[in-house]
Amino acid sequence: MTRSVAETNQAIAYRLSNNLPRLLREFSRDFERRIWEGMVKRGYPDIRPSHSAVFANLGMGAVRVTELAERARVTQQAMGKMLKELERTGYVARDIDGGDKRAKEIRLTGRGVALAADSLAVVDEVRAYYALKIGAEPLDLLEANLRDAVKKLQLDYLPESWVDPAQQEAEATPRNP
């Protein structure tokens, strides 16, 4: 059976709009939108989605700007701009690096730590919403499958120091066949 040009174009358009990257992107956008709406409700109207590049890569210790930019996969200039905004609003502070007086270390302030704690609570609320909508088991399975895929693809999305030490030890221990 021969398809018309319109049918062929419709099939192509459908595949372009309904594929794994698009589905992941739409899910991620919705999740992030709900997080930012929750953060505004909790009193953080000055936080923008672009700031997640800082918070997702900063951790609770001090880190250099160059390392932070590398982790976030943005230029040092872009990271510097975001850090200036967050420093101005009191979420991060820049200190002189103890090991290299020319370098600056970035750390969360007390206000930044409170933001991090509130953001985790909002993430839990959004996750609970999704669990109600699609079911807790399918959501857990989706997360487990994505985590497994990231691991198998060796996508280094976490700094080595953030990996659970028990997990690192288990992965390093040879298994008997």
C-alpha atoms as a PDB file:
ATOM      1  CA  MET A   1       0.000   0.000   0.000  1.00  0.00           C
ATOM      2  CA  THR A   2       1.422   3.345  -1.052  1.00  0.00           C
ATOM      3  CA  ARG A   3       1.148   6.288   1.300  1.00  0.00           C
ATOM      4  CA  SER A   4       0.421   9.789   0.154  1.00  0.00           C
ATOM      5  CA  VAL A   5       2.885  12.612   0.713  1.00  0.00           C
ATOM      6  CA  ALA A   6       0.618  13.967   3.461  1.00  0.00           C
ATOM      7  CA  GLU A   7       0.539  10.591   5.226  1.00  0.00           C
ATOM      8  CA  THR A   8       4.312  10.249   4.948  1.00  0.00           C
ATOM      9  CA  ASN A   9       4.816  13.776   6.298  1.00  0.00           C
ATOM     10  CA  GLN A  10       2.407  13.079   9.146  1.00  0.00           C
ATOM     11  CA  ALA A  11       4.303   9.892  10.057  1.00  0.00           C
ATOM     12  CA  ILE A  12       7.607  11.775  10.033  1.00  0.00           C
ATOM     13  CA  ALA A  13       6.183  14.588  12.146  1.00  0.00           C
ATOM     14  CA  TYR A  14       4.800  12.077  14.634  1.00  0.00           C
ATOM     15  CA  ARG A  15       8.156  10.337  15.020  1.00  0.00           C
ATOM     16  CA  LEU A  16       9.955  13.669  15.415  1.00  0.00           C
ATOM     17  CA  SER A  17       7.545  14.675  18.184  1.00  0.00           C
ATOM     18  CA  ASN A  18       7.098  11.314  19.899  1.00  0.00           C
ATOM     19  CA  ASN A  19      10.506   9.842  20.639  1.00  0.00           C
ATOM     20  CA  LEU A  20      12.661   9.193  23.695  1.00  0.00           C
ATOM     21  CA  PRO A  21      14.551  12.522  23.711  1.00  0.00           C
ATOM     22  CA  ARG A  22      11.329  14.491  23.331  1.00  0.00           C
ATOM     23  CA  LEU A  23       9.529  12.474  26.020  1.00  0.00           C
ATOM     24  CA  LEU A  24      12.437  12.883  28.443  1.00  0.00           C
ATOM     25  CA  ARG A  25      12.602  16.624  27.700  1.00  0.00           C
ATOM     26  CA  GLU A  26       8.850  17.123  28.237  1.00  0.00           C
ATOM     27  CA  PHE A  27       8.902  15.158  31.495  1.00  0.00           C
ATOM     28  CA  SER A  28      11.946  17.113  32.684  1.00  0.00           C
ATOM     29  CA  ARG A  29      10.422  20.471  31.750  1.00  0.00           C
ATOM     30  CA  ASP A  30       7.223  19.706  33.610  1.00  0.00           C
ATOM     31  CA  PHE A  31       9.101  18.448  36.672  1.00  0.00           C
ATOM     32  CA  GLU A  32      11.333  21.528  36.735  1.00  0.00           C
ATOM     33  CA  ARG A  33       8.398  23.908  36.194  1.00  0.00           C
ATOM     34  CA  ARG A  34       6.644  22.395  39.187  1.00  0.00           C
ATOM     35  CA  ILE A  35       9.806  22.714  41.275  1.00  0.00           C
ATOM     36  CA  TRP A  36      10.239  26.401  40.419  1.00  0.00           C
ATOM     37  CA  GLU A  37       6.575  27.109  41.132  1.00  0.00           C
ATOM     38  CA  GLY A  38       7.020  25.395  44.511  1.00  0.00           C
ATOM     39  CA  MET A  39      10.129  27.425  45.229  1.00  0.00           C
ATOM     40  CA  VAL A  40       8.294  30.675  44.528  1.00  0.00           C
ATOM     41  CA  LYS A  41       5.527  29.563  46.921  1.00  0.00           C
ATOM     42  CA  ARG A  42       8.183  28.889  49.566  1.00  0.00           C
ATOM     43  CA  GLY A  43       9.541  32.418  49.255  1.00  0.00           C
ATOM     44  CA  TYR A  44      12.278  32.167  46.634  1.00  0.00           C
ATOM     45  CA  PRO A  45      11.044  34.343  43.759  1.00  0.00           C
ATOM     46  CA  ASP A  46      14.597  35.387  42.880  1.00  0.00           C
ATOM     47  CA  ILE A  47      15.692  31.856  41.962  1.00  0.00           C
ATOM     48  CA  ARG A  48      15.523  31.002  38.267  1.00  0.00           C
ATOM     49  CA  PRO A  49      15.739  27.654  36.485  1.00  0.00           C
ATOM     50  CA  SER A  50      19.155  28.564  35.085  1.00  0.00           C
ATOM     51  CA  HIS A  51      20.487  28.676  38.646  1.00  0.00           C
ATOM     52  CA  SER A  52      20.035  24.914  38.860  1.00  0.00           C
ATOM     53  CA  ALA A  53      23.334  24.639  36.953  1.00  0.00           C
ATOM     54  CA  VAL A  54      24.983  26.008  40.091  1.00  0.00           C
ATOM     55  CA  PHE A  55      23.020  24.193  42.783  1.00  0.00           C
ATOM     56  CA  ALA A  56      23.047  20.804  41.047  1.00  0.00           C
ATOM     57  CA  ASN A  57      26.835  20.922  40.895  1.00  0.00           C
ATOM     58  CA  LEU A  58      27.912  22.850  43.978  1.00  0.00           C
ATOM     59  CA  GLY A  59      27.307  20.415  46.809  1.00  0.00           C
ATOM     60  CA  MET A  60      27.701  21.438  50.426  1.00  0.00           C
ATOM     61  CA  GLY A  61      31.440  22.109  50.370  1.00  0.00           C
ATOM     62  CA  ALA A  62      33.512  24.744  48.643  1.00  0.00           C
ATOM     63  CA  VAL A  63      34.367  24.389  44.965  1.00  0.00           C
ATOM     64  CA  ARG A  64      36.302  26.492  42.468  1.00  0.00           C
ATOM     65  CA  VAL A  65      34.510  28.349  39.706  1.00  0.00           C
ATOM     66  CA  THR A  66      36.415  26.437  37.026  1.00  0.00           C
ATOM     67  CA  GLU A  67      35.358  23.081  38.474  1.00  0.00           C
ATOM     68  CA  LEU A  68      31.770  24.258  38.882  1.00  0.00           C
ATOM     69  CA  ALA A  69      31.617  25.421  35.250  1.00  0.00           C
ATOM     70  CA  GLU A  70      33.129  22.138  34.082  1.00  0.00           C
ATOM     71  CA  ARG A  71      30.620  20.076  36.087  1.00  0.00           C
ATOM     72  CA  ALA A  72      27.718  22.137  34.755  1.00  0.00           C
ATOM     73  CA  ARG A  73      29.123  22.037  31.210  1.00  0.00           C
ATOM     74  CA  VAL A  74      28.931  25.801  30.792  1.00  0.00           C
ATOM     75  CA  THR A  75      31.597  28.400  30.152  1.00  0.00           C
ATOM     76  CA  GLN A  76      33.383  30.017  33.069  1.00  0.00           C
ATOM     77  CA  GLN A  77      31.885  33.331  31.970  1.00  0.00           C
ATOM     78  CA  ALA A  78      28.327  31.951  32.104  1.00  0.00           C
ATOM     79  CA  MET A  79      28.989  30.386  35.493  1.00  0.00           C
ATOM     80  CA  GLY A  80      30.517  33.635  36.727  1.00  0.00           C
ATOM     81  CA  LYS A  81      27.388  35.544  35.742  1.00  0.00           C
ATOM     82  CA  MET A  82      25.113  33.099  37.564  1.00  0.00           C
ATOM     83  CA  LEU A  83      27.360  33.194  40.623  1.00  0.00           C
ATOM     84  CA  LYS A  84      27.286  36.994  40.723  1.00  0.00           C
ATOM     85  CA  GLU A  85      23.472  36.885  40.751  1.00  0.00           C
ATOM     86  CA  LEU A  86      23.422  34.264  43.504  1.00  0.00           C
ATOM     87  CA  GLU A  87      26.067  36.087  45.512  1.00  0.00           C
ATOM     88  CA  ARG A  88      24.114  39.348  45.214  1.00  0.00           C
ATOM     89  CA  THR A  89      20.976  37.614  46.518  1.00  0.00           C
ATOM     90  CA  GLY A  90      22.863  35.970  49.380  1.00  0.00           C
ATOM     91  CA  TYR A  91      22.755  32.293  48.401  1.00  0.00           C
ATOM     92  CA  VAL A  92      26.471  31.775  47.734  1.00  0.00           C
ATOM     93  CA  ALA A  93      29.707  33.386  48.851  1.00  0.00           C
ATOM     94  CA  ARG A  94      33.095  33.561  47.185  1.00  0.00           C
ATOM     95  CA  ASP A  95      36.126  33.029  49.359  1.00  0.00           C
ATOM     96  CA  ILE A  96      39.822  32.968  48.554  1.00  0.00           C
ATOM     97  CA  ASP A  97      41.007  29.417  47.962  1.00  0.00           C
ATOM     98  CA  GLY A  98      43.307  28.331  50.795  1.00  0.00           C
ATOM     99  CA  GLY A  99      45.499  26.375  48.384  1.00  0.00           C
ATOM    100  CA  ASP A 100      45.717  29.005  45.631  1.00  0.00           C
ATOM    101  CA  LYS A 101      45.319  32.644  46.617  1.00  0.00           C
ATOM    102  CA  ARG A 102      44.521  33.557  42.990  1.00  0.00           C
ATOM    103  CA  ALA A 103      41.481  31.265  42.867  1.00  0.00           C
ATOM    104  CA  LYS A 104      38.061  31.705  44.437  1.00  0.00           C
ATOM    105  CA  GLU A 105      36.042  29.005  46.131  1.00  0.00           C
ATOM    106  CA  ILE A 106      32.277  29.067  46.023  1.00  0.00           C
ATOM    107  CA  ARG A 107      30.186  27.842  48.949  1.00  0.00           C
ATOM    108  CA  LEU A 108      26.585  28.006  50.053  1.00  0.00           C
ATOM    109  CA  THR A 109      25.694  30.596  52.672  1.00  0.00           C
ATOM    110  CA  GLY A 110      23.203  29.881  55.441  1.00  0.00           C
ATOM    111  CA  ARG A 111      20.503  31.172  53.123  1.00  0.00           C
ATOM    112  CA  GLY A 112      21.791  28.872  50.377  1.00  0.00           C
ATOM    113  CA  VAL A 113      21.670  25.857  52.679  1.00  0.00           C
ATOM    114  CA  ALA A 114      18.060  26.734  53.593  1.00  0.00           C
ATOM    115  CA  LEU A 115      17.255  27.008  49.875  1.00  0.00           C
ATOM    116  CA  ALA A 116      18.825  23.592  49.254  1.00  0.00           C
ATOM    117  CA  ALA A 117      16.761  22.017  52.040  1.00  0.00           C
ATOM    118  CA  ASP A 118      13.561  23.663  50.795  1.00  0.00           C
ATOM    119  CA  SER A 119      14.264  22.604  47.235  1.00  0.00           C
ATOM    120  CA  LEU A 120      14.629  18.981  48.328  1.00  0.00           C
ATOM    121  CA  ALA A 121      11.264  19.223  50.082  1.00  0.00           C
ATOM    122  CA  VAL A 122       9.715  20.638  46.900  1.00  0.00           C
ATOM    123  CA  VAL A 123      11.279  17.844  44.817  1.00  0.00           C
ATOM    124  CA  ASP A 124       9.676  15.347  47.197  1.00  0.00           C
ATOM    125  CA  GLU A 125       6.310  17.107  46.781  1.00  0.00           C
ATOM    126  CA  VAL A 126       6.570  17.035  42.991  1.00  0.00           C
ATOM    127  CA  ARG A 127       7.613  13.402  43.056  1.00  0.00           C
ATOM    128  CA  ALA A 128       4.611  12.608  45.276  1.00  0.00           C
ATOM    129  CA  TYR A 129       2.355  14.372  42.737  1.00  0.00           C
ATOM    130  CA  TYR A 130       3.756  12.208  39.941  1.00  0.00           C
ATOM    131  CA  ALA A 131       3.373   9.078  42.066  1.00  0.00           C
ATOM    132  CA  LEU A 132      -0.326   9.914  42.470  1.00  0.00           C
ATOM    133  CA  LYS A 133      -0.764  10.592  38.762  1.00  0.00           C
ATOM    134  CA  ILE A 134       1.151   7.651  37.276  1.00  0.00           C
ATOM    135  CA  GLY A 135       1.622   5.361  40.264  1.00  0.00           C
ATOM    136  CA  ALA A 136       4.494   4.964  42.703  1.00  0.00           C
ATOM    137  CA  GLU A 137       5.763   1.714  41.180  1.00  0.00           C
ATOM    138  CA  PRO A 138       5.924   2.981  37.576  1.00  0.00           C
ATOM    139  CA  LEU A 139       7.670   6.144  38.782  1.00  0.00           C
ATOM    140  CA  ASP A 140      10.185   4.143  40.839  1.00  0.00           C
ATOM    141  CA  LEU A 141      10.779   1.845  37.859  1.00  0.00           C
ATOM    142  CA  LEU A 142      11.271   4.806  35.510  1.00  0.00           C
ATOM    143  CA  GLU A 143      13.820   6.342  37.872  1.00  0.00           C
ATOM    144  CA  ALA A 144      15.618   3.019  38.405  1.00  0.00           C
ATOM    145  CA  ASN A 145      15.757   2.358  34.646  1.00  0.00           C
ATOM    146  CA  LEU A 146      17.100   5.842  33.921  1.00  0.00           C
ATOM    147  CA  ARG A 147      19.701   5.519  36.688  1.00  0.00           C
ATOM    148  CA  ASP A 148      20.722   2.116  35.303  1.00  0.00           C
ATOM    149  CA  ALA A 149      20.975   3.495  31.760  1.00  0.00           C
ATOM    150  CA  VAL A 150      23.113   6.421  32.934  1.00  0.00           C
ATOM    151  CA  LYS A 151      25.396   4.004  34.773  1.00  0.00           C
ATOM    152  CA  LYS A 152      25.701   1.619  31.810  1.00  0.00           C
ATOM    153  CA  LEU A 153      26.412   4.514  29.474  1.00  0.00           C
ATOM    154  CA  GLN A 154      29.042   5.715  31.958  1.00  0.00           C
ATOM    155  CA  LEU A 155      27.631   9.210  31.979  1.00  0.00           C
ATOM    156  CA  ASP A 156      29.570  11.017  34.680  1.00  0.00           C
ATOM    157  CA  TYR A 157      26.840  13.267  35.940  1.00  0.00           C
ATOM    158  CA  LEU A 158      28.010  13.328  39.567  1.00  0.00           C
ATOM    159  CA  PRO A 159      31.359  14.433  40.910  1.00  0.00           C
ATOM    160  CA  GLU A 160      33.264  11.409  42.219  1.00  0.00           C
ATOM    161  CA  SER A 161      33.146  12.755  45.771  1.00  0.00           C
ATOM    162  CA  TRP A 162      29.317  12.682  45.730  1.00  0.00           C
ATOM    163  CA  VAL A 163      28.962   8.996  44.958  1.00  0.00           C
ATOM    164  CA  ASP A 164      27.780   6.937  47.916  1.00  0.00           C
ATOM    165  CA  PRO A 165      30.920   5.316  49.436  1.00  0.00           C
ATOM    166  CA  ALA A 166      29.034   2.036  50.029  1.00  0.00           C
ATOM    167  CA  GLN A 167      28.037   2.002  46.363  1.00  0.00           C
ATOM    168  CA  GLN A 168      31.625   2.708  45.261  1.00  0.00           C
ATOM    169  CA  GLU A 169      32.900  -0.137  47.449  1.00  0.00           C
ATOM    170  CA  ALA A 170      30.251  -2.560  46.155  1.00  0.00           C
ATOM    171  CA  GLU A 171      31.096  -1.693  42.552  1.00  0.00           C
ATOM    172  CA  ALA A 172      34.840  -2.054  43.181  1.00  0.00           C
ATOM    173  CA  THR A 173      34.511  -5.439  44.905  1.00  0.00           C
ATOM    174  CA  PRO A 174      34.956  -8.306  42.440  1.00  0.00           C
ATOM    175  CA  ARG A 175      32.054 -10.748  42.400  1.00  0.00           C
ATOM    176  CA  ASN A 176      32.517 -14.494  42.369  1.00  0.00           C
ATOM    177  CA  PRO A 177      30.831 -16.161  39.384  1.00  0.00           C
END
